[in-house]
Amino acid sequence: MSEDSPASPPPVSAPTSEPVGSTPKWKPSTVAVKAGRPEHRPDQPLNEPIVMASTYVAGGDLEYGRYGNPTWTAFEEALGALEGGRCLSFASGLAAVATVLDLVGRDAKVVAPRHAYNGTVLQLGDLEARGRLQTELVDVTDTAAVVAACEDAALVWLESPTNPALEIADIETIRKAAHEAGAYVVVDNTFATPLLQTPLDLDVDMVVHSATKYLAGHSDVLMGAVVTRDEDLYAVLKGRRDDLLGAVPGTLEAWLALRGLRTLHLRVERAQANAQELVRRLSEHPAVGEVRYPGFGGIVSVVLAQGALAADLLTHKTKLWVHATSLGGVESTFERRRRWKSEPATIPDGLVRLSVGIEDVDDLWDDLRTALDDLT
């Protein structure tokens, strides 16, 4: 959508959450700092230590390194408290996606956005090509068409905002239609984070994250997560992660992701403020043909008026902005998405996705403006 018609974002400080095992109803910024801590006792560490163990003494709950780790548990408690469910951590966001899609029965139908995380679309394409399942890719902004597609679906996968088109889905309406059809609903909440959107409160079945992005937030971790309120689903997902796929995270990665999560609210607030100001300035620059921004979050997409070549040139002309494919870190990164052959043809050739960081907004703009001026 255009910057002229943004969706109304929930404030970063809402909604109120109740951390696991606690009485107070803290706001998300407090949960991010407090949840997943060890019990407060004299001489105990304030943070959960890094437990490097592949083997445990038999007779307890863990038994073996694939089945659990206290460092993972701390991260899972914190993210679960923020999303309002039970969390399972994975080796990567893609591993989390694969584990959820692995639940779909043979020849069953999955409805998913035509614009979505490339790894999700590629996995669906591979599974369909091998005869495992059927896929229907939809425009999530066409709610009536998505609702119609739900009628014979087993799983409905949503992103809102979508990657990289930044489209918004009517999650609640689609969820109702999917549940009436007996389908599970999954929302990839990587872009919004649980500070701006909590899909489990809309009764979706699962939330997926690439914790590599905003949750860890420092471009130094590969990790993923799934959160659900359904105890049966949790047990099935855990069994597949632990016993069948082995898609468990590293201990150091879990510790780094939790450390990053502690400042999530500060980083999201700053990135969002920077993004909103950059949207205002970018919309006035003659080299920019279109600005796409859902009204919240730190991701902005622009379509350059002169197309693909100008977009490629832009990503190589800056000194502060970094040309990179990831997002959600403290530093500002950008790329032309159609440089990837697997990106859908419905994404404009000249679209550049910007992950706005926490630097000074005037420095970010000066760097972008100088590069854009060279294109006009």
Protein backbone atom coordinates (compact mmCIF):
# COMPACT_ATOMS: atom_id res chain seq x y z
CA MET A 1 0.00 0.00 0.00
CA SER A 2 1.05 3.61 -0.44
CA GLU A 3 2.29 5.84 2.32
CA ASP A 4 -0.88 7.85 1.75
CA SER A 5 -3.09 5.09 3.19
CA PRO A 6 -1.25 3.43 6.06
CA ALA A 7 -2.83 0.90 8.32
CA SER A 8 -3.21 2.01 11.90
CA PRO A 9 -0.41 0.33 13.85
CA PRO A 10 -0.82 -0.74 17.44
CA PRO A 11 1.53 1.21 19.70
CA VAL A 12 4.85 -0.40 20.53
CA SER A 13 3.91 -0.48 24.21
CA ALA A 14 0.72 -2.53 23.72
CA PRO A 15 -0.88 -4.97 24.25
CA THR A 16 -0.36 -6.04 27.84
CA SER A 17 1.25 -9.45 28.32
CA GLU A 18 1.54 -11.83 31.25
CA PRO A 19 4.89 -13.60 31.41
CA VAL A 20 5.02 -17.32 32.11
CA GLY A 21 5.09 -18.04 35.82
CA SER A 22 4.43 -14.50 36.99
CA THR A 23 1.54 -12.64 38.55
CA PRO A 24 1.92 -9.06 37.24
CA LYS A 25 0.50 -8.15 33.83
CA TRP A 26 3.50 -6.39 32.37
CA LYS A 27 3.69 -4.49 29.12
CA PRO A 28 5.80 -6.02 26.32
CA SER A 29 8.82 -3.79 26.95
CA THR A 30 8.98 -5.11 30.51
CA VAL A 31 8.39 -8.69 29.38
CA ALA A 32 11.26 -8.42 26.91
CA VAL A 33 13.61 -7.50 29.75
CA LYS A 34 12.20 -9.72 32.49
CA ALA A 35 10.97 -13.01 31.00
CA GLY A 36 13.26 -16.04 30.76
CA ARG A 37 15.41 -15.09 33.77
CA PRO A 38 16.65 -17.57 36.39
CA GLU A 39 15.05 -17.51 39.82
CA HIS A 40 16.38 -14.62 41.91
CA ARG A 41 18.49 -16.19 44.63
CA PRO A 42 21.71 -15.03 46.28
CA ASP A 43 24.81 -15.71 44.17
CA GLN A 44 22.77 -16.93 41.21
CA PRO A 45 23.44 -15.36 37.79
CA LEU A 46 21.03 -12.67 36.61
CA ASN A 47 21.05 -14.16 33.10
CA GLU A 48 20.61 -17.78 32.10
CA PRO A 49 24.13 -19.17 31.50
CA ILE A 50 25.29 -20.77 28.27
CA VAL A 51 24.90 -24.50 28.88
CA MET A 52 27.12 -26.38 26.44
CA ALA A 53 25.88 -29.94 26.69
CA SER A 54 25.03 -32.66 24.20
CA THR A 55 24.64 -35.30 26.91
CA TYR A 56 22.87 -35.25 30.27
CA VAL A 57 22.88 -37.68 33.17
CA ALA A 58 19.95 -40.06 32.66
CA GLY A 59 16.82 -40.04 34.78
CA GLY A 60 15.64 -36.46 34.30
CA ASP A 61 13.56 -34.56 31.75
CA LEU A 62 16.31 -33.76 29.23
CA GLU A 63 18.23 -37.01 28.65
CA TYR A 64 19.90 -35.83 25.41
CA GLY A 65 20.96 -32.56 23.77
CA ARG A 66 18.28 -32.60 21.08
CA TYR A 67 15.49 -32.69 23.65
CA GLY A 68 16.23 -29.47 25.46
CA ASN A 69 18.73 -27.04 26.89
CA PRO A 70 18.30 -24.49 29.71
CA THR A 71 19.59 -21.72 27.42
CA TRP A 72 16.99 -22.52 24.76
CA THR A 73 14.34 -22.68 27.44
CA ALA A 74 15.12 -19.15 28.61
CA PHE A 75 14.70 -17.78 25.08
CA GLU A 76 11.53 -19.80 24.56
CA GLU A 77 10.01 -18.53 27.80
CA ALA A 78 10.72 -14.92 26.82
CA LEU A 79 9.36 -15.11 23.27
CA GLY A 80 6.43 -17.24 24.40
CA ALA A 81 5.51 -14.60 26.97
CA LEU A 82 5.69 -11.85 24.33
CA GLU A 83 3.55 -13.75 21.80
CA GLY A 84 1.21 -15.20 24.41
CA GLY A 85 1.86 -18.90 23.84
CA ARG A 86 4.41 -21.73 24.10
CA CYS A 87 7.53 -21.32 22.03
CA LEU A 88 9.84 -23.79 20.33
CA SER A 89 13.19 -22.55 19.01
CA PHE A 90 14.74 -23.86 15.80
CA ALA A 91 18.08 -23.78 14.03
CA SER A 92 16.79 -21.14 11.58
CA GLY A 93 13.61 -19.49 10.42
CA LEU A 94 13.60 -21.82 7.43
CA ALA A 95 13.84 -24.84 9.75
CA ALA A 96 10.78 -23.54 11.61
CA VAL A 97 8.91 -23.10 8.32
CA ALA A 98 9.88 -26.59 7.15
CA THR A 99 8.73 -28.18 10.40
CA VAL A 100 5.30 -26.56 10.18
CA LEU A 101 4.86 -27.46 6.50
CA ASP A 102 5.89 -31.02 7.32
CA LEU A 103 2.63 -31.32 9.28
CA VAL A 104 0.57 -31.03 6.09
CA GLY A 105 -0.80 -34.36 4.85
CA ARG A 106 -0.08 -35.75 1.41
CA ASP A 107 -2.04 -34.05 -1.41
CA ALA A 108 -3.51 -31.53 1.05
CA LYS A 109 -3.76 -27.88 0.04
CA VAL A 110 -1.79 -24.96 1.45
CA VAL A 111 -2.91 -21.38 0.80
CA ALA A 112 -0.06 -18.85 0.97
CA PRO A 113 0.72 -15.29 -0.15
CA ARG A 114 2.13 -14.85 -3.64
CA HIS A 115 4.48 -12.31 -2.05
CA ALA A 116 6.19 -13.86 0.96
CA TYR A 117 9.52 -14.88 2.43
CA ASN A 118 11.39 -16.49 -0.45
CA GLY A 119 12.27 -19.57 1.61
CA THR A 120 8.60 -20.29 2.32
CA VAL A 121 7.58 -19.96 -1.33
CA LEU A 122 10.53 -22.09 -2.49
CA GLN A 123 9.69 -24.81 0.03
CA LEU A 124 6.06 -24.86 -1.07
CA GLY A 125 7.14 -25.05 -4.71
CA ASP A 126 9.49 -27.93 -3.99
CA LEU A 127 6.88 -29.87 -2.01
CA GLU A 128 4.32 -29.36 -4.76
CA ALA A 129 6.78 -30.42 -7.48
CA ARG A 130 7.43 -33.66 -5.57
CA GLY A 131 3.72 -34.39 -5.25
CA ARG A 132 3.62 -33.87 -1.48
CA LEU A 133 1.00 -31.15 -1.37
CA GLN A 134 -0.92 -28.61 -3.41
CA THR A 135 -0.28 -24.88 -3.20
CA GLU A 136 -2.50 -21.94 -4.04
CA LEU A 137 -0.72 -18.58 -3.97
CA VAL A 138 -3.03 -15.64 -3.33
CA ASP A 139 -3.05 -11.86 -3.14
CA VAL A 140 -3.57 -11.35 0.60
CA THR A 141 -5.10 -7.91 0.02
CA ASP A 142 -8.01 -9.58 -1.83
CA THR A 143 -9.75 -10.90 1.27
CA ALA A 144 -12.69 -12.39 -0.63
CA ALA A 145 -10.36 -14.39 -2.88
CA VAL A 146 -8.36 -15.65 0.10
CA VAL A 147 -11.53 -16.66 1.93
CA ALA A 148 -12.68 -18.58 -1.16
CA ALA A 149 -9.30 -20.32 -1.38
CA CYS A 150 -9.65 -21.47 2.25
CA GLU A 151 -12.65 -23.68 1.50
CA ASP A 152 -10.64 -26.84 0.77
CA ALA A 153 -7.36 -25.94 2.50
CA ALA A 154 -5.54 -27.82 5.23
CA LEU A 155 -3.22 -24.93 6.10
CA VAL A 156 -3.41 -21.19 5.48
CA TRP A 157 -0.09 -19.38 5.70
CA LEU A 158 -0.11 -15.60 6.10
CA GLU A 159 2.35 -12.75 6.22
CA SER A 160 1.16 -9.30 7.21
CA PRO A 161 3.03 -7.20 6.18
CA THR A 162 4.19 -9.34 3.25
CA ASN A 163 7.81 -9.58 2.18
CA PRO A 164 8.77 -7.43 0.25
CA ALA A 165 5.53 -5.88 -1.04
CA LEU A 166 4.41 -4.85 2.48
CA GLU A 167 0.77 -5.75 1.92
CA ILE A 168 -1.63 -6.13 4.85
CA ALA A 169 -3.93 -9.12 5.29
CA ASP A 170 -7.24 -9.16 7.14
CA ILE A 171 -5.97 -11.84 9.52
CA GLU A 172 -9.13 -12.17 11.60
CA THR A 173 -11.52 -12.58 8.65
CA ILE A 174 -9.23 -15.07 6.92
CA ARG A 175 -8.70 -17.00 10.15
CA LYS A 176 -12.44 -17.37 10.65
CA ALA A 177 -12.90 -18.71 7.12
CA ALA A 178 -9.97 -21.09 7.46
CA HIS A 179 -11.16 -22.49 10.77
CA GLU A 180 -14.66 -22.99 9.38
CA ALA A 181 -13.03 -25.08 6.65
CA GLY A 182 -11.02 -27.05 9.23
CA ALA A 183 -7.67 -25.53 8.25
CA TYR A 184 -4.87 -24.43 10.52
CA VAL A 185 -3.68 -20.81 10.25
CA VAL A 186 -0.05 -19.72 10.55
CA VAL A 187 1.23 -16.14 10.61
CA ASP A 188 4.85 -15.30 9.94
CA ASN A 189 5.29 -12.41 12.37
CA THR A 190 8.94 -11.65 11.58
CA PHE A 191 8.36 -8.14 10.19
CA ALA A 192 5.84 -6.93 12.79
CA THR A 193 7.37 -8.62 15.87
CA PRO A 194 5.17 -9.31 18.92
CA LEU A 195 5.53 -5.66 19.91
CA LEU A 196 3.40 -4.50 16.98
CA GLN A 197 1.17 -7.51 16.40
CA THR A 198 0.20 -10.63 18.37
CA PRO A 199 -1.63 -12.94 15.95
CA LEU A 200 -2.39 -15.57 18.61
CA ASP A 201 -4.76 -13.01 20.13
CA LEU A 202 -6.70 -13.31 16.85
CA ASP A 203 -6.94 -17.08 17.41
CA VAL A 204 -4.51 -18.16 14.73
CA ASP A 205 -2.91 -21.53 15.46
CA MET A 206 0.79 -20.82 15.08
CA VAL A 207 3.16 -17.88 14.80
CA VAL A 208 6.49 -18.30 13.04
CA HIS A 209 9.60 -16.12 13.38
CA SER A 210 12.96 -15.82 11.78
CA ALA A 211 14.67 -14.92 15.05
CA THR A 212 17.68 -14.07 12.87
CA LYS A 213 15.97 -10.76 12.15
CA TYR A 214 14.42 -8.37 14.70
CA LEU A 215 14.33 -10.70 17.69
CA ALA A 216 18.10 -11.27 17.82
CA GLY A 217 18.62 -7.96 16.07
CA HIS A 218 22.40 -7.78 15.55
CA SER A 219 23.03 -9.70 12.32
CA ASP A 220 25.05 -12.39 14.09
CA VAL A 221 22.56 -15.23 14.70
CA LEU A 222 20.70 -17.81 12.60
CA MET A 223 17.66 -19.01 14.49
CA GLY A 224 13.90 -19.52 14.19
CA ALA A 225 10.85 -20.08 16.37
CA VAL A 226 7.26 -21.30 16.38
CA VAL A 227 4.75 -20.20 19.04
CA THR A 228 1.35 -21.79 19.66
CA ARG A 229 -1.34 -21.99 22.36
CA ASP A 230 -2.43 -25.44 21.23
CA GLU A 231 -0.81 -28.01 23.54
CA ASP A 232 -1.36 -30.85 21.07
CA LEU A 233 0.29 -28.87 18.27
CA TYR A 234 3.15 -27.96 20.58
CA ALA A 235 3.76 -31.62 21.40
CA VAL A 236 3.69 -32.66 17.74
CA LEU A 237 6.03 -29.84 16.69
CA LYS A 238 8.44 -30.60 19.51
CA GLY A 239 8.46 -34.27 18.60
CA ARG A 240 9.23 -33.51 14.97
CA ARG A 241 11.92 -30.98 15.90
CA ASP A 242 13.61 -33.22 18.46
CA ASP A 243 13.15 -36.77 17.19
CA LEU A 244 12.62 -36.62 13.42
CA LEU A 245 14.22 -33.48 11.98
CA GLY A 246 16.81 -32.52 14.57
CA ALA A 247 16.25 -28.86 13.70
CA VAL A 248 17.42 -27.59 17.09
CA PRO A 249 19.25 -24.29 17.68
CA GLY A 250 22.81 -23.92 18.88
CA THR A 251 23.24 -22.95 22.52
CA LEU A 252 25.32 -19.86 21.77
CA GLU A 253 22.77 -18.74 19.19
CA ALA A 254 19.95 -19.07 21.73
CA TRP A 255 21.91 -17.06 24.28
CA LEU A 256 22.67 -14.31 21.74
CA ALA A 257 19.06 -14.22 20.56
CA LEU A 258 17.81 -13.79 24.12
CA ARG A 259 20.34 -11.04 24.75
CA GLY A 260 19.12 -9.29 21.60
CA LEU A 261 15.49 -9.73 22.65
CA ARG A 262 16.13 -7.70 25.80
CA THR A 263 16.39 -4.50 23.72
CA LEU A 264 13.75 -5.38 21.12
CA HIS A 265 11.37 -2.62 22.24
CA LEU A 266 14.06 0.07 22.05
CA ARG A 267 15.24 -1.06 18.62
CA VAL A 268 11.74 -1.35 17.19
CA GLU A 269 10.74 2.08 18.49
CA ARG A 270 13.81 3.74 16.96
CA ALA A 271 13.67 1.84 13.66
CA GLN A 272 9.96 2.61 13.28
CA ALA A 273 10.46 6.32 14.00
CA ASN A 274 13.31 6.44 11.48
CA ALA A 275 11.25 4.57 8.88
CA GLN A 276 8.27 6.88 9.21
CA GLU A 277 10.45 9.95 8.73
CA LEU A 278 12.26 8.40 5.75
CA VAL A 279 8.91 7.52 4.15
CA ARG A 280 7.94 11.20 4.33
CA ARG A 281 11.18 12.32 2.70
CA LEU A 282 11.40 9.53 0.12
CA SER A 283 7.87 10.24 -1.13
CA GLU A 284 9.02 13.71 -2.17
CA HIS A 285 12.13 12.66 -4.11
CA PRO A 286 11.79 12.62 -7.92
CA ALA A 287 13.84 9.42 -8.32
CA VAL A 288 11.25 7.49 -6.27
CA GLY A 289 8.18 6.39 -8.17
CA GLU A 290 6.39 4.66 -5.29
CA VAL A 291 6.81 4.22 -1.54
CA ARG A 292 5.32 1.15 0.13
CA TYR A 293 4.92 1.26 3.89
CA PRO A 294 2.15 -0.32 5.99
CA GLY A 295 2.23 2.47 8.58
CA PHE A 296 4.26 0.60 11.21
CA GLY A 297 7.54 -1.24 11.60
CA GLY A 298 11.00 -0.65 10.23
CA ILE A 299 10.71 -2.08 6.70
CA VAL A 300 10.08 0.23 3.74
CA SER A 301 10.00 -0.67 0.04
CA VAL A 302 10.52 1.88 -2.72
CA VAL A 303 10.09 1.48 -6.45
CA LEU A 304 12.54 3.64 -8.37
CA ALA A 305 11.07 5.58 -11.26
CA GLN A 306 13.88 4.55 -13.63
CA GLY A 307 13.59 0.83 -12.95
CA ALA A 308 16.02 -2.00 -12.24
CA LEU A 309 19.28 -0.35 -13.29
CA ALA A 310 18.64 2.67 -11.08
CA ALA A 311 17.75 0.35 -8.19
CA ASP A 312 20.98 -1.60 -8.61
CA LEU A 313 23.00 1.61 -8.84
CA LEU A 314 21.38 2.96 -5.68
CA THR A 315 22.43 -0.08 -3.64
CA HIS A 316 26.07 0.47 -4.66
CA LYS A 317 26.28 4.25 -4.21
CA THR A 318 25.81 4.64 -0.45
CA LYS A 319 28.35 4.81 2.34
CA LEU A 320 26.11 4.20 5.37
CA TRP A 321 23.42 1.92 3.97
CA VAL A 322 24.71 -1.63 3.46
CA HIS A 323 23.82 -3.76 0.45
CA ALA A 324 22.72 -7.03 2.10
CA THR A 325 19.86 -9.52 1.86
CA SER A 326 18.93 -9.79 5.54
CA LEU A 327 16.97 -7.33 7.68
CA GLY A 328 15.99 -6.36 11.20
CA GLY A 329 19.45 -5.52 12.49
CA VAL A 330 20.65 -2.37 14.19
CA GLU A 331 22.27 -1.30 10.92
CA SER A 332 20.35 -0.13 7.85
CA THR A 333 20.45 -2.50 4.88
CA PHE A 334 18.80 -2.60 1.49
CA GLU A 335 18.66 -4.55 -1.74
CA ARG A 336 16.83 -4.83 -5.06
CA ARG A 337 14.71 -7.89 -4.48
CA ARG A 338 14.39 -8.95 -8.12
CA ARG A 339 18.12 -9.59 -8.24
CA TRP A 340 17.04 -12.99 -6.91
CA LYS A 341 15.69 -15.12 -9.78
CA SER A 342 13.21 -16.79 -7.43
CA GLU A 343 11.48 -13.50 -6.56
CA PRO A 344 7.99 -13.36 -8.14
CA ALA A 345 7.58 -11.45 -11.39
CA THR A 346 4.77 -9.47 -9.75
CA ILE A 347 7.42 -7.65 -7.67
CA PRO A 348 8.55 -4.60 -9.67
CA ASP A 349 12.05 -4.77 -11.16
CA GLY A 350 12.92 -1.47 -9.52
CA LEU A 351 11.73 -2.34 -6.01
CA VAL A 352 14.31 -1.84 -3.27
CA ARG A 353 13.52 -3.20 0.20
CA LEU A 354 14.97 -1.07 2.99
CA SER A 355 15.50 -2.41 6.49
CA VAL A 356 15.75 0.80 8.48
CA GLY A 357 18.16 0.63 11.40
CA ILE A 358 18.68 2.70 14.52
CA GLU A 359 21.27 5.18 13.21
CA ASP A 360 20.60 8.92 13.20
CA VAL A 361 17.80 9.52 10.72
CA ASP A 362 19.46 12.60 9.21
CA ASP A 363 22.60 10.61 8.47
CA LEU A 364 20.50 7.88 6.88
CA TRP A 365 18.64 10.39 4.75
CA ASP A 366 21.73 12.32 3.69
CA ASP A 367 23.31 9.08 2.49
CA LEU A 368 20.18 7.99 0.61
CA ARG A 369 19.46 11.45 -0.83
CA THR A 370 22.98 11.83 -2.18
CA ALA A 371 22.71 8.49 -3.97
CA LEU A 372 19.20 9.25 -5.24
CA ASP A 373 20.27 12.68 -6.49
CA ASP A 374 22.94 11.00 -8.61
CA LEU A 375 20.21 9.02 -10.36
CA THR A 376 18.18 12.05 -11.47
